[in-house]
Amino acid sequence: MELVVKPIRTDLVYQIFFKESALELAKEESRISLISKILKAFGLRLNDIKSNNETASNDYIHFSRFYGPSFFDVAFGLEEVSATLQTPQNEAQVVDLYGRLFQVFEKRPISFQKMTIQRQLSTEGDATAFLKSLNPHSPDNFEKLLHGRGVYYSLKIPEHELTIFITLVDSLFVEGGLYLSVENQFLPNLYDFENAFKITKDHYDFILKGLNLNIEEET
Protein backbone atom coordinates (compact mmCIF):
# COMPACT_ATOMS: atom_id res chain seq x y z
CA MET A 1 0.00 0.00 0.00
CA GLU A 2 1.34 3.41 -0.97
CA LEU A 3 0.56 6.58 0.96
CA VAL A 4 1.08 10.14 -0.30
CA VAL A 5 1.95 12.62 2.45
CA LYS A 6 2.99 16.25 2.80
CA PRO A 7 5.51 17.57 5.34
CA ILE A 8 4.02 19.88 7.96
CA ARG A 9 7.18 20.24 10.01
CA THR A 10 10.75 18.99 9.68
CA ASP A 11 13.49 19.05 12.32
CA LEU A 12 17.06 17.86 11.85
CA VAL A 13 19.42 16.95 14.67
CA TYR A 14 23.15 16.52 14.06
CA GLN A 15 25.36 15.15 16.85
CA ILE A 16 29.11 14.67 17.01
CA PHE A 17 30.95 12.77 19.73
CA PHE A 18 34.71 13.30 19.98
CA LYS A 19 37.22 10.53 20.63
CA GLU A 20 38.81 12.55 23.43
CA SER A 21 37.69 15.44 25.59
CA ALA A 22 38.90 18.80 24.26
CA LEU A 23 40.23 19.85 27.65
CA GLU A 24 42.51 22.49 26.14
CA LEU A 25 39.41 24.52 25.29
CA ALA A 26 38.92 25.10 29.00
CA LYS A 27 41.90 27.45 28.78
CA GLU A 28 40.86 31.03 28.16
CA GLU A 29 43.12 31.50 25.14
CA SER A 30 41.80 28.38 23.36
CA ARG A 31 38.19 29.22 24.24
CA ILE A 32 38.53 32.70 22.76
CA SER A 33 40.03 31.19 19.59
CA LEU A 34 37.06 28.79 19.26
CA ILE A 35 34.53 31.57 19.82
CA SER A 36 36.29 33.64 17.17
CA LYS A 37 35.89 30.76 14.67
CA ILE A 38 32.20 30.41 15.51
CA LEU A 39 31.56 34.14 15.18
CA LYS A 40 33.23 34.21 11.78
CA ALA A 41 31.60 31.00 10.50
CA PHE A 42 28.03 32.07 11.31
CA GLY A 43 28.18 35.86 11.22
CA LEU A 44 27.31 36.19 14.91
CA ARG A 45 27.84 38.94 17.47
CA LEU A 46 29.43 38.34 20.86
CA ASN A 47 26.03 38.76 22.52
CA ASP A 48 24.83 35.72 20.56
CA ILE A 49 27.33 33.45 22.34
CA LYS A 50 26.55 31.97 25.76
CA SER A 51 29.12 30.11 27.86
CA ASN A 52 28.57 27.77 30.80
CA ASN A 53 31.44 26.07 32.64
CA GLU A 54 28.97 23.88 34.54
CA THR A 55 27.97 22.00 31.36
CA ALA A 56 31.40 21.76 29.76
CA SER A 57 30.84 18.26 28.40
CA ASN A 58 27.92 19.02 26.11
CA ASP A 59 27.03 22.72 26.33
CA TYR A 60 30.18 24.71 27.00
CA ILE A 61 29.38 27.25 24.28
CA HIS A 62 25.84 27.82 23.03
CA PHE A 63 24.39 29.92 20.24
CA SER A 64 21.23 30.11 18.18
CA ARG A 65 20.06 32.13 15.22
CA PHE A 66 17.14 32.47 12.83
CA TYR A 67 17.84 32.12 9.12
CA GLY A 68 14.55 33.24 7.65
CA PRO A 69 11.90 30.83 9.00
CA SER A 70 14.57 28.30 10.05
CA PHE A 71 15.95 28.18 13.59
CA PHE A 72 19.49 26.89 14.14
CA ASP A 73 20.49 25.97 17.70
CA VAL A 74 23.97 24.70 18.60
CA ALA A 75 25.39 23.34 21.86
CA PHE A 76 29.18 22.93 21.65
CA GLY A 77 30.82 20.91 24.45
CA LEU A 78 34.29 19.60 25.17
CA GLU A 79 33.10 16.04 24.45
CA GLU A 80 30.20 16.44 22.03
CA VAL A 81 28.35 18.85 19.76
CA SER A 82 24.61 18.93 19.10
CA ALA A 83 22.95 21.11 16.46
CA THR A 84 19.23 21.30 15.71
CA LEU A 85 17.84 22.90 12.56
CA GLN A 86 14.09 23.48 12.77
CA THR A 87 12.07 23.90 9.57
CA PRO A 88 14.99 23.94 7.11
CA GLN A 89 14.25 25.82 3.90
CA ASN A 90 15.97 23.41 1.54
CA GLU A 91 18.80 20.91 1.21
CA ALA A 92 21.30 23.62 0.28
CA GLN A 93 20.70 25.36 3.61
CA VAL A 94 21.21 22.10 5.51
CA VAL A 95 24.51 21.40 3.78
CA ASP A 96 25.66 25.00 4.26
CA LEU A 97 24.93 25.35 7.98
CA TYR A 98 26.04 21.90 9.09
CA GLY A 99 29.04 22.07 6.76
CA ARG A 100 30.15 25.34 8.38
CA LEU A 101 29.71 23.79 11.81
CA PHE A 102 31.80 20.77 10.88
CA GLN A 103 34.62 23.00 9.66
CA VAL A 104 34.89 24.56 13.12
CA PHE A 105 36.04 21.24 14.60
CA GLU A 106 37.00 19.16 11.54
CA LYS A 107 40.56 18.56 12.79
CA ARG A 108 39.35 16.93 16.00
CA PRO A 109 39.08 13.10 15.85
CA ILE A 110 35.45 11.95 15.92
CA SER A 111 34.27 8.78 17.63
CA PHE A 112 30.83 8.72 16.01
CA GLN A 113 28.22 10.99 14.54
CA LYS A 114 24.43 10.88 14.30
CA MET A 115 22.04 12.52 11.85
CA THR A 116 18.35 12.38 12.72
CA ILE A 117 15.43 13.43 10.53
CA GLN A 118 12.11 14.05 12.33
CA ARG A 119 9.00 14.86 10.28
CA GLN A 120 5.34 15.51 10.98
CA LEU A 121 3.34 14.49 7.90
CA SER A 122 -0.23 15.11 6.79
CA THR A 123 -2.18 13.00 4.33
CA GLU A 124 -5.54 12.82 2.61
CA GLY A 125 -5.16 9.05 2.59
CA ASP A 126 -5.84 6.57 5.38
CA ALA A 127 -2.82 6.66 7.70
CA THR A 128 -4.36 4.05 10.00
CA ALA A 129 -4.81 1.56 7.16
CA PHE A 130 -1.30 2.33 5.93
CA LEU A 131 0.27 1.57 9.31
CA LYS A 132 -1.84 -1.57 9.56
CA SER A 133 -0.46 -2.72 6.21
CA LEU A 134 3.05 -2.42 7.66
CA ASN A 135 2.15 -3.86 11.05
CA PRO A 136 -0.97 -6.00 10.70
CA HIS A 137 -0.67 -7.91 13.98
CA SER A 138 -1.24 -6.85 17.56
CA PRO A 139 -1.87 -8.82 20.76
CA ASP A 140 -5.43 -10.14 20.91
CA ASN A 141 -6.18 -8.44 24.21
CA PHE A 142 -5.12 -5.06 22.71
CA GLU A 143 -7.76 -5.08 19.98
CA LYS A 144 -10.62 -3.51 21.92
CA LEU A 145 -8.32 -0.84 23.36
CA LEU A 146 -6.06 -0.18 20.38
CA HIS A 147 -5.94 3.54 19.60
CA GLY A 148 -2.93 3.66 17.29
CA ARG A 149 -0.09 1.60 15.93
CA GLY A 150 3.30 2.04 14.35
CA VAL A 151 6.45 0.34 13.15
CA TYR A 152 10.09 0.32 14.22
CA TYR A 153 12.97 -0.99 12.15
CA SER A 154 16.73 -0.99 12.47
CA LEU A 155 18.97 -1.39 9.42
CA LYS A 156 22.67 -2.17 9.38
CA ILE A 157 24.93 -1.08 6.50
CA PRO A 158 28.32 -2.64 7.32
CA GLU A 159 30.36 -0.95 4.57
CA HIS A 160 29.63 2.44 6.12
CA GLU A 161 29.57 1.35 9.78
CA LEU A 162 26.06 2.76 9.71
CA THR A 163 23.03 1.73 11.74
CA ILE A 164 19.66 3.32 10.92
CA PHE A 165 16.78 3.39 13.40
CA ILE A 166 13.36 4.02 11.81
CA THR A 167 10.18 4.92 13.67
CA LEU A 168 6.83 5.54 11.93
CA VAL A 169 3.74 6.11 14.09
CA ASP A 170 0.54 8.13 14.29
CA SER A 171 1.28 11.82 14.68
CA LEU A 172 0.38 13.44 18.00
CA PHE A 173 0.27 16.88 16.38
CA VAL A 174 -1.21 16.38 12.91
CA GLU A 175 -4.73 14.94 12.92
CA GLY A 176 -4.82 11.80 10.82
CA GLY A 177 -1.12 12.21 10.02
CA LEU A 178 2.15 10.43 10.69
CA TYR A 179 5.38 11.02 12.56
CA LEU A 180 8.56 9.73 10.93
CA SER A 181 11.97 9.58 12.63
CA VAL A 182 15.10 8.29 10.89
CA GLU A 183 18.24 8.22 13.04
CA ASN A 184 21.53 7.51 11.25
CA GLN A 185 24.39 6.49 13.52
CA PHE A 186 27.91 6.20 12.11
CA LEU A 187 29.81 4.13 14.69
CA PRO A 188 32.75 4.05 14.44
CA ASN A 189 32.83 7.18 12.32
CA LEU A 190 34.50 6.96 8.89
CA TYR A 191 33.39 10.20 7.25
CA ASP A 192 33.36 13.97 7.28
CA PHE A 193 29.97 15.70 7.30
CA GLU A 194 29.63 16.02 3.52
CA ASN A 195 30.11 12.31 2.81
CA ALA A 196 28.02 11.23 5.80
CA PHE A 197 25.21 13.48 4.58
CA LYS A 198 25.31 11.98 1.08
CA ILE A 199 25.12 8.46 2.49
CA THR A 200 22.28 9.48 4.81
CA LYS A 201 20.34 11.06 1.95
CA ASP A 202 20.72 7.99 -0.27
CA HIS A 203 19.47 5.67 2.44
CA TYR A 204 16.62 8.02 3.37
CA ASP A 205 15.32 7.73 -0.19
CA PHE A 206 15.78 3.96 0.04
CA ILE A 207 13.75 3.88 3.27
CA LEU A 208 10.88 5.91 1.84
CA LYS A 209 10.72 3.58 -1.16
CA GLY A 210 10.76 0.54 1.11
CA LEU A 211 7.93 1.92 3.23
CA ASN A 212 5.92 2.91 0.12
CA LEU A 213 5.76 6.40 1.56
CA ASN A 214 5.58 9.13 -1.09
CA ILE A 215 6.47 12.51 0.38
CA GLU A 216 5.40 15.47 -1.73
CA GLU A 217 8.08 18.02 -0.90
CA GLU A 218 7.29 21.72 -1.16
CA THR A 219 9.00 23.44 -4.09
C-alpha atoms as a PDB file:
ATOM      1  CA  MET A   1       0.000   0.000   0.000  1.00  0.00           C
ATOM      2  CA  GLU A   2       1.338   3.413  -0.969  1.00  0.00           C
ATOM      3  CA  LEU A   3       0.560   6.585   0.956  1.00  0.00           C
ATOM      4  CA  VAL A   4       1.084  10.141  -0.299  1.00  0.00           C
ATOM      5  CA  VAL A   5       1.951  12.616   2.453  1.00  0.00           C
ATOM      6  CA  LYS A   6       2.985  16.246   2.802  1.00  0.00           C
ATOM      7  CA  PRO A   7       5.508  17.571   5.339  1.00  0.00           C
ATOM      8  CA  ILE A   8       4.023  19.877   7.962  1.00  0.00           C
ATOM      9  CA  ARG A   9       7.184  20.245  10.009  1.00  0.00           C
ATOM     10  CA  THR A  10      10.754  18.990   9.682  1.00  0.00           C
ATOM     11  CA  ASP A  11      13.492  19.053  12.323  1.00  0.00           C
ATOM     12  CA  LEU A  12      17.058  17.864  11.846  1.00  0.00           C
ATOM     13  CA  VAL A  13      19.420  16.954  14.673  1.00  0.00           C
ATOM     14  CA  TYR A  14      23.154  16.519  14.057  1.00  0.00           C
ATOM     15  CA  GLN A  15      25.358  15.148  16.850  1.00  0.00           C
ATOM     16  CA  ILE A  16      29.110  14.666  17.010  1.00  0.00           C
ATOM     17  CA  PHE A  17      30.955  12.769  19.730  1.00  0.00           C
ATOM     18  CA  PHE A  18      34.715  13.302  19.980  1.00  0.00           C
ATOM     19  CA  LYS A  19      37.224  10.534  20.631  1.00  0.00           C
ATOM     20  CA  GLU A  20      38.812  12.548  23.431  1.00  0.00           C
ATOM     21  CA  SER A  21      37.689  15.443  25.591  1.00  0.00           C
ATOM     22  CA  ALA A  22      38.901  18.799  24.261  1.00  0.00           C
ATOM     23  CA  LEU A  23      40.229  19.849  27.651  1.00  0.00           C
ATOM     24  CA  GLU A  24      42.513  22.486  26.144  1.00  0.00           C
ATOM     25  CA  LEU A  25      39.414  24.517  25.289  1.00  0.00           C
ATOM     26  CA  ALA A  26      38.923  25.103  29.001  1.00  0.00           C
ATOM     27  CA  LYS A  27      41.905  27.454  28.781  1.00  0.00           C
ATOM     28  CA  GLU A  28      40.861  31.029  28.156  1.00  0.00           C
ATOM     29  CA  GLU A  29      43.118  31.498  25.138  1.00  0.00           C
ATOM     30  CA  SER A  30      41.800  28.383  23.362  1.00  0.00           C
ATOM     31  CA  ARG A  31      38.186  29.222  24.239  1.00  0.00           C
ATOM     32  CA  ILE A  32      38.533  32.697  22.759  1.00  0.00           C
ATOM     33  CA  SER A  33      40.030  31.190  19.591  1.00  0.00           C
ATOM     34  CA  LEU A  34      37.060  28.789  19.259  1.00  0.00           C
ATOM     35  CA  ILE A  35      34.531  31.568  19.819  1.00  0.00           C
ATOM     36  CA  SER A  36      36.293  33.639  17.169  1.00  0.00           C
ATOM     37  CA  LYS A  37      35.889  30.763  14.668  1.00  0.00           C
ATOM     38  CA  ILE A  38      32.205  30.405  15.505  1.00  0.00           C
ATOM     39  CA  LEU A  39      31.557  34.139  15.178  1.00  0.00           C
ATOM     40  CA  LYS A  40      33.228  34.210  11.776  1.00  0.00           C
ATOM     41  CA  ALA A  41      31.596  30.998  10.495  1.00  0.00           C
ATOM     42  CA  PHE A  42      28.026  32.074  11.307  1.00  0.00           C
ATOM     43  CA  GLY A  43      28.178  35.862  11.222  1.00  0.00           C
ATOM     44  CA  LEU A  44      27.307  36.194  14.906  1.00  0.00           C
ATOM     45  CA  ARG A  45      27.843  38.940  17.467  1.00  0.00           C
ATOM     46  CA  LEU A  46      29.428  38.341  20.858  1.00  0.00           C
ATOM     47  CA  ASN A  47      26.032  38.756  22.523  1.00  0.00           C
ATOM     48  CA  ASP A  48      24.828  35.715  20.563  1.00  0.00           C
ATOM     49  CA  ILE A  49      27.330  33.451  22.336  1.00  0.00           C
ATOM     50  CA  LYS A  50      26.547  31.972  25.756  1.00  0.00           C
ATOM     51  CA  SER A  51      29.118  30.108  27.863  1.00  0.00           C
ATOM     52  CA  ASN A  52      28.573  27.773  30.795  1.00  0.00           C
ATOM     53  CA  ASN A  53      31.438  26.071  32.639  1.00  0.00           C
ATOM     54  CA  GLU A  54      28.968  23.883  34.541  1.00  0.00           C
ATOM     55  CA  THR A  55      27.971  22.004  31.362  1.00  0.00           C
ATOM     56  CA  ALA A  56      31.403  21.764  29.764  1.00  0.00           C
ATOM     57  CA  SER A  57      30.839  18.257  28.405  1.00  0.00           C
ATOM     58  CA  ASN A  58      27.922  19.019  26.105  1.00  0.00           C
ATOM     59  CA  ASP A  59      27.027  22.725  26.326  1.00  0.00           C
ATOM     60  CA  TYR A  60      30.183  24.714  27.001  1.00  0.00           C
ATOM     61  CA  ILE A  61      29.379  27.249  24.280  1.00  0.00           C
ATOM     62  CA  HIS A  62      25.835  27.817  23.027  1.00  0.00           C
ATOM     63  CA  PHE A  63      24.391  29.922  20.244  1.00  0.00           C
ATOM     64  CA  SER A  64      21.228  30.113  18.179  1.00  0.00           C
ATOM     65  CA  ARG A  65      20.057  32.126  15.221  1.00  0.00           C
ATOM     66  CA  PHE A  66      17.136  32.474  12.829  1.00  0.00           C
ATOM     67  CA  TYR A  67      17.838  32.117   9.119  1.00  0.00           C
ATOM     68  CA  GLY A  68      14.546  33.236   7.654  1.00  0.00           C
ATOM     69  CA  PRO A  69      11.905  30.826   9.000  1.00  0.00           C
ATOM     70  CA  SER A  70      14.574  28.304  10.050  1.00  0.00           C
ATOM     71  CA  PHE A  71      15.948  28.183  13.589  1.00  0.00           C
ATOM     72  CA  PHE A  72      19.487  26.894  14.139  1.00  0.00           C
ATOM     73  CA  ASP A  73      20.488  25.966  17.698  1.00  0.00           C
ATOM     74  CA  VAL A  74      23.973  24.695  18.602  1.00  0.00           C
ATOM     75  CA  ALA A  75      25.391  23.336  21.857  1.00  0.00           C
ATOM     76  CA  PHE A  76      29.176  22.926  21.649  1.00  0.00           C
ATOM     77  CA  GLY A  77      30.820  20.907  24.449  1.00  0.00           C
ATOM     78  CA  LEU A  78      34.288  19.598  25.172  1.00  0.00           C
ATOM     79  CA  GLU A  79      33.102  16.040  24.451  1.00  0.00           C
ATOM     80  CA  GLU A  80      30.202  16.444  22.035  1.00  0.00           C
ATOM     81  CA  VAL A  81      28.353  18.850  19.765  1.00  0.00           C
ATOM     82  CA  SER A  82      24.607  18.925  19.100  1.00  0.00           C
ATOM     83  CA  ALA A  83      22.951  21.107  16.463  1.00  0.00           C
ATOM     84  CA  THR A  84      19.228  21.297  15.712  1.00  0.00           C
ATOM     85  CA  LEU A  85      17.842  22.898  12.564  1.00  0.00           C
ATOM     86  CA  GLN A  86      14.094  23.479  12.768  1.00  0.00           C
ATOM     87  CA  THR A  87      12.071  23.903   9.566  1.00  0.00           C
ATOM     88  CA  PRO A  88      14.994  23.938   7.111  1.00  0.00           C
ATOM     89  CA  GLN A  89      14.255  25.824   3.901  1.00  0.00           C
ATOM     90  CA  ASN A  90      15.967  23.406   1.537  1.00  0.00           C
ATOM     91  CA  GLU A  91      18.805  20.911   1.208  1.00  0.00           C
ATOM     92  CA  ALA A  92      21.303  23.619   0.278  1.00  0.00           C
ATOM     93  CA  GLN A  93      20.701  25.362   3.614  1.00  0.00           C
ATOM     94  CA  VAL A  94      21.213  22.099   5.513  1.00  0.00           C
ATOM     95  CA  VAL A  95      24.514  21.403   3.779  1.00  0.00           C
ATOM     96  CA  ASP A  96      25.661  24.995   4.259  1.00  0.00           C
ATOM     97  CA  LEU A  97      24.931  25.347   7.985  1.00  0.00           C
ATOM     98  CA  TYR A  98      26.040  21.898   9.086  1.00  0.00           C
ATOM     99  CA  GLY A  99      29.035  22.068   6.759  1.00  0.00           C
ATOM    100  CA  ARG A 100      30.146  25.335   8.377  1.00  0.00           C
ATOM    101  CA  LEU A 101      29.711  23.794  11.814  1.00  0.00           C
ATOM    102  CA  PHE A 102      31.797  20.769  10.883  1.00  0.00           C
ATOM    103  CA  GLN A 103      34.618  23.000   9.662  1.00  0.00           C
ATOM    104  CA  VAL A 104      34.892  24.559  13.117  1.00  0.00           C
ATOM    105  CA  PHE A 105      36.038  21.239  14.603  1.00  0.00           C
ATOM    106  CA  GLU A 106      36.997  19.158  11.541  1.00  0.00           C
ATOM    107  CA  LYS A 107      40.557  18.564  12.786  1.00  0.00           C
ATOM    108  CA  ARG A 108      39.351  16.933  15.995  1.00  0.00           C
ATOM    109  CA  PRO A 109      39.084  13.095  15.846  1.00  0.00           C
ATOM    110  CA  ILE A 110      35.452  11.954  15.920  1.00  0.00           C
ATOM    111  CA  SER A 111      34.269   8.783  17.625  1.00  0.00           C
ATOM    112  CA  PHE A 112      30.833   8.718  16.008  1.00  0.00           C
ATOM    113  CA  GLN A 113      28.220  10.994  14.542  1.00  0.00           C
ATOM    114  CA  LYS A 114      24.426  10.882  14.303  1.00  0.00           C
ATOM    115  CA  MET A 115      22.044  12.518  11.852  1.00  0.00           C
ATOM    116  CA  THR A 116      18.355  12.383  12.723  1.00  0.00           C
ATOM    117  CA  ILE A 117      15.427  13.429  10.528  1.00  0.00           C
ATOM    118  CA  GLN A 118      12.114  14.051  12.325  1.00  0.00           C
ATOM    119  CA  ARG A 119       9.000  14.856  10.281  1.00  0.00           C
ATOM    120  CA  GLN A 120       5.336  15.514  10.984  1.00  0.00           C
ATOM    121  CA  LEU A 121       3.345  14.486   7.902  1.00  0.00           C
ATOM    122  CA  SER A 122      -0.233  15.113   6.787  1.00  0.00           C
ATOM    123  CA  THR A 123      -2.176  13.004   4.329  1.00  0.00           C
ATOM    124  CA  GLU A 124      -5.542  12.819   2.612  1.00  0.00           C
ATOM    125  CA  GLY A 125      -5.157   9.053   2.594  1.00  0.00           C
ATOM    126  CA  ASP A 126      -5.844   6.573   5.381  1.00  0.00           C
ATOM    127  CA  ALA A 127      -2.823   6.661   7.700  1.00  0.00           C
ATOM    128  CA  THR A 128      -4.355   4.046   9.997  1.00  0.00           C
ATOM    129  CA  ALA A 129      -4.809   1.562   7.163  1.00  0.00           C
ATOM    130  CA  PHE A 130      -1.296   2.333   5.929  1.00  0.00           C
ATOM    131  CA  LEU A 131       0.271   1.569   9.312  1.00  0.00           C
ATOM    132  CA  LYS A 132      -1.837  -1.575   9.557  1.00  0.00           C
ATOM    133  CA  SER A 133      -0.456  -2.725   6.206  1.00  0.00           C
ATOM    134  CA  LEU A 134       3.050  -2.418   7.661  1.00  0.00           C
ATOM    135  CA  ASN A 135       2.152  -3.860  11.053  1.00  0.00           C
ATOM    136  CA  PRO A 136      -0.974  -6.004  10.698  1.00  0.00           C
ATOM    137  CA  HIS A 137      -0.671  -7.908  13.980  1.00  0.00           C
ATOM    138  CA  SER A 138      -1.244  -6.851  17.555  1.00  0.00           C
ATOM    139  CA  PRO A 139      -1.869  -8.820  20.757  1.00  0.00           C
ATOM    140  CA  ASP A 140      -5.431 -10.137  20.905  1.00  0.00           C
ATOM    141  CA  ASN A 141      -6.178  -8.438  24.210  1.00  0.00           C
ATOM    142  CA  PHE A 142      -5.123  -5.057  22.708  1.00  0.00           C
ATOM    143  CA  GLU A 143      -7.761  -5.076  19.977  1.00  0.00           C
ATOM    144  CA  LYS A 144     -10.616  -3.507  21.923  1.00  0.00           C
ATOM    145  CA  LEU A 145      -8.319  -0.844  23.360  1.00  0.00           C
ATOM    146  CA  LEU A 146      -6.059  -0.177  20.380  1.00  0.00           C
ATOM    147  CA  HIS A 147      -5.939   3.537  19.602  1.00  0.00           C
ATOM    148  CA  GLY A 148      -2.930   3.655  17.291  1.00  0.00           C
ATOM    149  CA  ARG A 149      -0.087   1.598  15.929  1.00  0.00           C
ATOM    150  CA  GLY A 150       3.297   2.042  14.351  1.00  0.00           C
ATOM    151  CA  VAL A 151       6.452   0.337  13.145  1.00  0.00           C
ATOM    152  CA  TYR A 152      10.086   0.320  14.220  1.00  0.00           C
ATOM    153  CA  TYR A 153      12.970  -0.993  12.153  1.00  0.00           C
ATOM    154  CA  SER A 154      16.730  -0.990  12.469  1.00  0.00           C
ATOM    155  CA  LEU A 155      18.969  -1.391   9.419  1.00  0.00           C
ATOM    156  CA  LYS A 156      22.669  -2.172   9.378  1.00  0.00           C
ATOM    157  CA  ILE A 157      24.933  -1.081   6.501  1.00  0.00           C
ATOM    158  CA  PRO A 158      28.323  -2.642   7.321  1.00  0.00           C
ATOM    159  CA  GLU A 159      30.356  -0.949   4.572  1.00  0.00           C
ATOM    160  CA  HIS A 160      29.633   2.445   6.116  1.00  0.00           C
ATOM    161  CA  GLU A 161      29.571   1.346   9.785  1.00  0.00           C
ATOM    162  CA  LEU A 162      26.057   2.764   9.708  1.00  0.00           C
ATOM    163  CA  THR A 163      23.026   1.731  11.739  1.00  0.00           C
ATOM    164  CA  ILE A 164      19.659   3.317  10.921  1.00  0.00           C
ATOM    165  CA  PHE A 165      16.777   3.390  13.396  1.00  0.00           C
ATOM    166  CA  ILE A 166      13.363   4.023  11.807  1.00  0.00           C
ATOM    167  CA  THR A 167      10.175   4.919  13.670  1.00  0.00           C
ATOM    168  CA  LEU A 168       6.834   5.539  11.933  1.00  0.00           C
ATOM    169  CA  VAL A 169       3.742   6.110  14.085  1.00  0.00           C
ATOM    170  CA  ASP A 170       0.538   8.127  14.294  1.00  0.00           C
ATOM    171  CA  SER A 171       1.275  11.823  14.683  1.00  0.00           C
ATOM    172  CA  LEU A 172       0.384  13.438  17.996  1.00  0.00           C
ATOM    173  CA  PHE A 173       0.271  16.883  16.380  1.00  0.00           C
ATOM    174  CA  VAL A 174      -1.214  16.382  12.911  1.00  0.00           C
ATOM    175  CA  GLU A 175      -4.728  14.943  12.924  1.00  0.00           C
ATOM    176  CA  GLY A 176      -4.822  11.801  10.816  1.00  0.00           C
ATOM    177  CA  GLY A 177      -1.125  12.213  10.020  1.00  0.00           C
ATOM    178  CA  LEU A 178       2.153  10.425  10.686  1.00  0.00           C
ATOM    179  CA  TYR A 179       5.382  11.021  12.559  1.00  0.00           C
ATOM    180  CA  LEU A 180       8.563   9.725  10.926  1.00  0.00           C
ATOM    181  CA  SER A 181      11.966   9.582  12.626  1.00  0.00           C
ATOM    182  CA  VAL A 182      15.097   8.289  10.891  1.00  0.00           C
ATOM    183  CA  GLU A 183      18.240   8.222  13.035  1.00  0.00           C
ATOM    184  CA  ASN A 184      21.526   7.506  11.253  1.00  0.00           C
ATOM    185  CA  GLN A 185      24.386   6.490  13.515  1.00  0.00           C
ATOM    186  CA  PHE A 186      27.909   6.196  12.114  1.00  0.00           C
ATOM    187  CA  LEU A 187      29.808   4.128  14.687  1.00  0.00           C
ATOM    188  CA  PRO A 188      32.747   4.053  14.438  1.00  0.00           C
ATOM    189  CA  ASN A 189      32.830   7.181  12.316  1.00  0.00           C
ATOM    190  CA  LEU A 190      34.501   6.962   8.894  1.00  0.00           C
ATOM    191  CA  TYR A 191      33.392  10.202   7.249  1.00  0.00           C
ATOM    192  CA  ASP A 192      33.360  13.967   7.277  1.00  0.00           C
ATOM    193  CA  PHE A 193      29.974  15.703   7.301  1.00  0.00           C
ATOM    194  CA  GLU A 194      29.628  16.019   3.519  1.00  0.00           C
ATOM    195  CA  ASN A 195      30.113  12.312   2.813  1.00  0.00           C
ATOM    196  CA  ALA A 196      28.019  11.227   5.801  1.00  0.00           C
ATOM    197  CA  PHE A 197      25.209  13.476   4.583  1.00  0.00           C
ATOM    198  CA  LYS A 198      25.313  11.982   1.080  1.00  0.00           C
ATOM    199  CA  ILE A 199      25.118   8.465   2.486  1.00  0.00           C
ATOM    200  CA  THR A 200      22.282   9.479   4.814  1.00  0.00           C
ATOM    201  CA  LYS A 201      20.341  11.063   1.946  1.00  0.00           C
ATOM    202  CA  ASP A 202      20.720   7.992  -0.274  1.00  0.00           C
ATOM    203  CA  HIS A 203      19.465   5.673   2.443  1.00  0.00           C
ATOM    204  CA  TYR A 204      16.621   8.025   3.368  1.00  0.00           C
ATOM    205  CA  ASP A 205      15.323   7.734  -0.193  1.00  0.00           C
ATOM    206  CA  PHE A 206      15.784   3.955   0.039  1.00  0.00           C
ATOM    207  CA  ILE A 207      13.754   3.880   3.272  1.00  0.00           C
ATOM    208  CA  LEU A 208      10.875   5.911   1.836  1.00  0.00           C
ATOM    209  CA  LYS A 209      10.722   3.581  -1.156  1.00  0.00           C
ATOM    210  CA  GLY A 210      10.760   0.541   1.109  1.00  0.00           C
ATOM    211  CA  LEU A 211       7.928   1.921   3.226  1.00  0.00           C
ATOM    212  CA  ASN A 212       5.917   2.908   0.115  1.00  0.00           C
ATOM    213  CA  LEU A 213       5.764   6.403   1.562  1.00  0.00           C
ATOM    214  CA  ASN A 214       5.579   9.126  -1.087  1.00  0.00           C
ATOM    215  CA  ILE A 215       6.468  12.513   0.380  1.00  0.00           C
ATOM    216  CA  GLU A 216       5.403  15.474  -1.732  1.00  0.00           C
ATOM    217  CA  GLU A 217       8.082  18.020  -0.902  1.00  0.00           C
ATOM    218  CA  GLU A 218       7.295  21.716  -1.163  1.00  0.00           C
ATOM    219  CA  THR A 219       8.998  23.436  -4.085  1.00  0.00           C
END
